[in-house]
Amino acid sequence: MGGFKSFVLRGNLVDLAVAVIMATAFGAVVTTFTAWLTGKLPSGVEDIFSNEENSFGAFMNAVIAFLILAAVVYFLIVLPYTRAKEKYFPSPAPGTPEDTVLLREIRDALIAGRGTPTA
């Protein structure tokens, strides 16, 4: 199970899954928006909330469904994933990376070995 946990938490598996879910939901928003633009525009208040294919109501329905899905994905997938990732694989402490420190030591040793460099 340790290998599976590492596979799920270290890779981009969850990021890709969330991207596919959100892209699919946003596709519905784009589809209804273009249908609304190319179809008939609502003539009055009674047509605004209708759920016909070419109405503003269908577009608003798709937008609201997208926002609800985004909230569900965020609270049920992204937040627990982020917490688990930080718990099992904490991010490195802030500071100078090890390779930068090593390069500075090499630079200082070269400068000390031949004296002050000339420009």
C-alpha atoms as a PDB file:
ATOM      1  CA  MET A   1       0.000   0.000   0.000  1.00  0.00           C
ATOM      2  CA  GLY A   2       2.964   2.327   0.509  1.00  0.00           C
ATOM      3  CA  GLY A   3       3.751   2.282  -3.191  1.00  0.00           C
ATOM      4  CA  PHE A   4       0.155   3.061  -4.104  1.00  0.00           C
ATOM      5  CA  LYS A   5       0.043   5.942  -1.612  1.00  0.00           C
ATOM      6  CA  SER A   6       3.237   7.325  -3.115  1.00  0.00           C
ATOM      7  CA  PHE A   7       1.857   6.909  -6.644  1.00  0.00           C
ATOM      8  CA  VAL A   8      -1.358   8.782  -5.845  1.00  0.00           C
ATOM      9  CA  LEU A   9       0.115  11.550  -3.697  1.00  0.00           C
ATOM     10  CA  ARG A  10       3.375  12.319  -5.501  1.00  0.00           C
ATOM     11  CA  GLY A  11       2.269  12.172  -9.103  1.00  0.00           C
ATOM     12  CA  ASN A  12      -0.004  14.443 -11.028  1.00  0.00           C
ATOM     13  CA  LEU A  13      -2.803  11.875 -11.018  1.00  0.00           C
ATOM     14  CA  VAL A  14      -5.221  13.932  -8.928  1.00  0.00           C
ATOM     15  CA  ASP A  15      -4.338  17.142 -10.772  1.00  0.00           C
ATOM     16  CA  LEU A  16      -5.097  15.518 -14.118  1.00  0.00           C
ATOM     17  CA  ALA A  17      -8.356  14.004 -12.856  1.00  0.00           C
ATOM     18  CA  VAL A  18      -9.538  17.388 -11.557  1.00  0.00           C
ATOM     19  CA  ALA A  19      -8.558  19.019 -14.851  1.00  0.00           C
ATOM     20  CA  VAL A  20     -10.612  16.497 -16.861  1.00  0.00           C
ATOM     21  CA  ILE A  21     -13.656  16.928 -14.595  1.00  0.00           C
ATOM     22  CA  MET A  22     -13.508  20.726 -14.752  1.00  0.00           C
ATOM     23  CA  ALA A  23     -12.878  20.792 -18.511  1.00  0.00           C
ATOM     24  CA  THR A  24     -15.885  18.576 -19.148  1.00  0.00           C
ATOM     25  CA  ALA A  25     -18.125  20.766 -17.003  1.00  0.00           C
ATOM     26  CA  PHE A  26     -16.815  23.935 -18.633  1.00  0.00           C
ATOM     27  CA  GLY A  27     -17.502  22.398 -22.049  1.00  0.00           C
ATOM     28  CA  ALA A  28     -21.200  22.359 -21.169  1.00  0.00           C
ATOM     29  CA  VAL A  29     -21.019  26.057 -20.255  1.00  0.00           C
ATOM     30  CA  VAL A  30     -19.378  26.911 -23.579  1.00  0.00           C
ATOM     31  CA  THR A  31     -21.885  24.806 -25.528  1.00  0.00           C
ATOM     32  CA  THR A  32     -24.916  26.454 -23.941  1.00  0.00           C
ATOM     33  CA  PHE A  33     -23.356  29.908 -24.286  1.00  0.00           C
ATOM     34  CA  THR A  34     -22.814  29.480 -28.022  1.00  0.00           C
ATOM     35  CA  ALA A  35     -26.326  28.032 -28.415  1.00  0.00           C
ATOM     36  CA  TRP A  36     -27.709  31.039 -26.598  1.00  0.00           C
ATOM     37  CA  LEU A  37     -25.745  33.466 -28.776  1.00  0.00           C
ATOM     38  CA  THR A  38     -26.657  31.814 -32.052  1.00  0.00           C
ATOM     39  CA  GLY A  39     -30.244  30.991 -31.088  1.00  0.00           C
ATOM     40  CA  LYS A  40     -33.091  33.256 -30.174  1.00  0.00           C
ATOM     41  CA  LEU A  41     -32.504  35.723 -27.380  1.00  0.00           C
ATOM     42  CA  PRO A  42     -35.066  35.791 -24.566  1.00  0.00           C
ATOM     43  CA  SER A  43     -37.864  38.206 -25.380  1.00  0.00           C
ATOM     44  CA  GLY A  44     -39.019  38.864 -21.848  1.00  0.00           C
ATOM     45  CA  VAL A  45     -38.738  37.915 -18.214  1.00  0.00           C
ATOM     46  CA  GLU A  46     -40.800  34.759 -18.721  1.00  0.00           C
ATOM     47  CA  ASP A  47     -38.143  33.374 -21.110  1.00  0.00           C
ATOM     48  CA  ILE A  48     -35.109  34.079 -18.908  1.00  0.00           C
ATOM     49  CA  PHE A  49     -35.505  31.056 -16.640  1.00  0.00           C
ATOM     50  CA  SER A  50     -36.799  28.613 -19.212  1.00  0.00           C
ATOM     51  CA  ASN A  51     -34.673  25.537 -19.811  1.00  0.00           C
ATOM     52  CA  GLU A  52     -34.985  25.389 -23.569  1.00  0.00           C
ATOM     53  CA  GLU A  53     -31.882  24.558 -25.554  1.00  0.00           C
ATOM     54  CA  ASN A  54     -31.410  28.060 -26.960  1.00  0.00           C
ATOM     55  CA  SER A  55     -32.356  30.092 -23.880  1.00  0.00           C
ATOM     56  CA  PHE A  56     -30.485  32.144 -21.348  1.00  0.00           C
ATOM     57  CA  GLY A  57     -31.882  29.845 -18.646  1.00  0.00           C
ATOM     58  CA  ALA A  58     -30.004  26.877 -20.081  1.00  0.00           C
ATOM     59  CA  PHE A  59     -26.812  28.919 -20.030  1.00  0.00           C
ATOM     60  CA  MET A  60     -27.382  30.002 -16.424  1.00  0.00           C
ATOM     61  CA  ASN A  61     -28.185  26.399 -15.508  1.00  0.00           C
ATOM     62  CA  ALA A  62     -24.856  25.285 -16.975  1.00  0.00           C
ATOM     63  CA  VAL A  63     -22.969  28.069 -15.149  1.00  0.00           C
ATOM     64  CA  ILE A  64     -24.569  27.224 -11.804  1.00  0.00           C
ATOM     65  CA  ALA A  65     -23.940  23.510 -12.330  1.00  0.00           C
ATOM     66  CA  PHE A  66     -20.301  24.285 -13.143  1.00  0.00           C
ATOM     67  CA  LEU A  67     -19.876  26.376  -9.976  1.00  0.00           C
ATOM     68  CA  ILE A  68     -21.495  23.693  -7.815  1.00  0.00           C
ATOM     69  CA  LEU A  69     -19.291  21.024  -9.368  1.00  0.00           C
ATOM     70  CA  ALA A  70     -16.214  23.203  -8.838  1.00  0.00           C
ATOM     71  CA  ALA A  71     -17.089  23.633  -5.154  1.00  0.00           C
ATOM     72  CA  VAL A  72     -17.674  19.896  -4.704  1.00  0.00           C
ATOM     73  CA  VAL A  73     -14.411  19.009  -6.430  1.00  0.00           C
ATOM     74  CA  TYR A  74     -12.519  21.568  -4.382  1.00  0.00           C
ATOM     75  CA  PHE A  75     -13.912  20.574  -0.988  1.00  0.00           C
ATOM     76  CA  LEU A  76     -14.091  16.802  -1.538  1.00  0.00           C
ATOM     77  CA  ILE A  77     -10.987  16.190  -3.678  1.00  0.00           C
ATOM     78  CA  VAL A  78      -8.521  19.092  -3.718  1.00  0.00           C
ATOM     79  CA  LEU A  79      -8.516  20.000  -0.003  1.00  0.00           C
ATOM     80  CA  PRO A  80      -8.170  16.409   1.308  1.00  0.00           C
ATOM     81  CA  TYR A  81      -5.527  15.694  -1.337  1.00  0.00           C
ATOM     82  CA  THR A  82      -3.527  18.771  -0.350  1.00  0.00           C
ATOM     83  CA  ARG A  83      -3.731  17.901   3.350  1.00  0.00           C
ATOM     84  CA  ALA A  84      -2.699  14.289   2.749  1.00  0.00           C
ATOM     85  CA  LYS A  85       0.156  15.361   0.498  1.00  0.00           C
ATOM     86  CA  GLU A  86       1.495  17.768   3.148  1.00  0.00           C
ATOM     87  CA  LYS A  87       1.084  15.123   5.852  1.00  0.00           C
ATOM     88  CA  TYR A  88       2.921  12.323   4.053  1.00  0.00           C
ATOM     89  CA  PHE A  89       5.266  14.361   1.836  1.00  0.00           C
ATOM     90  CA  PRO A  90       5.938  17.723   3.511  1.00  0.00           C
ATOM     91  CA  SER A  91       7.355  20.486   1.381  1.00  0.00           C
ATOM     92  CA  PRO A  92      11.026  21.291   1.946  1.00  0.00           C
ATOM     93  CA  ALA A  93      11.905  23.989   4.438  1.00  0.00           C
ATOM     94  CA  PRO A  94      12.439  27.415   2.909  1.00  0.00           C
ATOM     95  CA  GLY A  95      16.014  28.479   2.461  1.00  0.00           C
ATOM     96  CA  THR A  96      18.872  28.272   0.028  1.00  0.00           C
ATOM     97  CA  PRO A  97      18.863  25.086  -2.062  1.00  0.00           C
ATOM     98  CA  GLU A  98      21.700  22.659  -1.394  1.00  0.00           C
ATOM     99  CA  ASP A  99      23.181  22.964  -4.881  1.00  0.00           C
ATOM    100  CA  THR A 100      23.369  26.756  -4.572  1.00  0.00           C
ATOM    101  CA  VAL A 101      25.215  26.446  -1.253  1.00  0.00           C
ATOM    102  CA  LEU A 102      27.659  23.996  -2.853  1.00  0.00           C
ATOM    103  CA  LEU A 103      28.292  26.318  -5.802  1.00  0.00           C
ATOM    104  CA  ARG A 104      28.970  29.211  -3.439  1.00  0.00           C
ATOM    105  CA  GLU A 105      31.466  27.079  -1.515  1.00  0.00           C
ATOM    106  CA  ILE A 106      33.246  26.178  -4.763  1.00  0.00           C
ATOM    107  CA  ARG A 107      33.304  29.842  -5.806  1.00  0.00           C
ATOM    108  CA  ASP A 108      34.716  30.896  -2.426  1.00  0.00           C
ATOM    109  CA  ALA A 109      37.367  28.142  -2.568  1.00  0.00           C
ATOM    110  CA  LEU A 110      38.439  29.231  -6.061  1.00  0.00           C
ATOM    111  CA  ILE A 111      38.662  32.859  -4.983  1.00  0.00           C
ATOM    112  CA  ALA A 112      40.664  31.941  -1.867  1.00  0.00           C
ATOM    113  CA  GLY A 113      43.017  29.710  -3.898  1.00  0.00           C
ATOM    114  CA  ARG A 114      44.138  32.347  -6.410  1.00  0.00           C
ATOM    115  CA  GLY A 115      43.582  35.549  -4.506  1.00  0.00           C
ATOM    116  CA  THR A 116      41.223  38.376  -5.393  1.00  0.00           C
ATOM    117  CA  PRO A 117      39.872  38.029  -8.925  1.00  0.00           C
ATOM    118  CA  THR A 118      40.556  40.821 -11.371  1.00  0.00           C
ATOM    119  CA  ALA A 119      37.757  42.163 -13.476  1.00  0.00           C
END
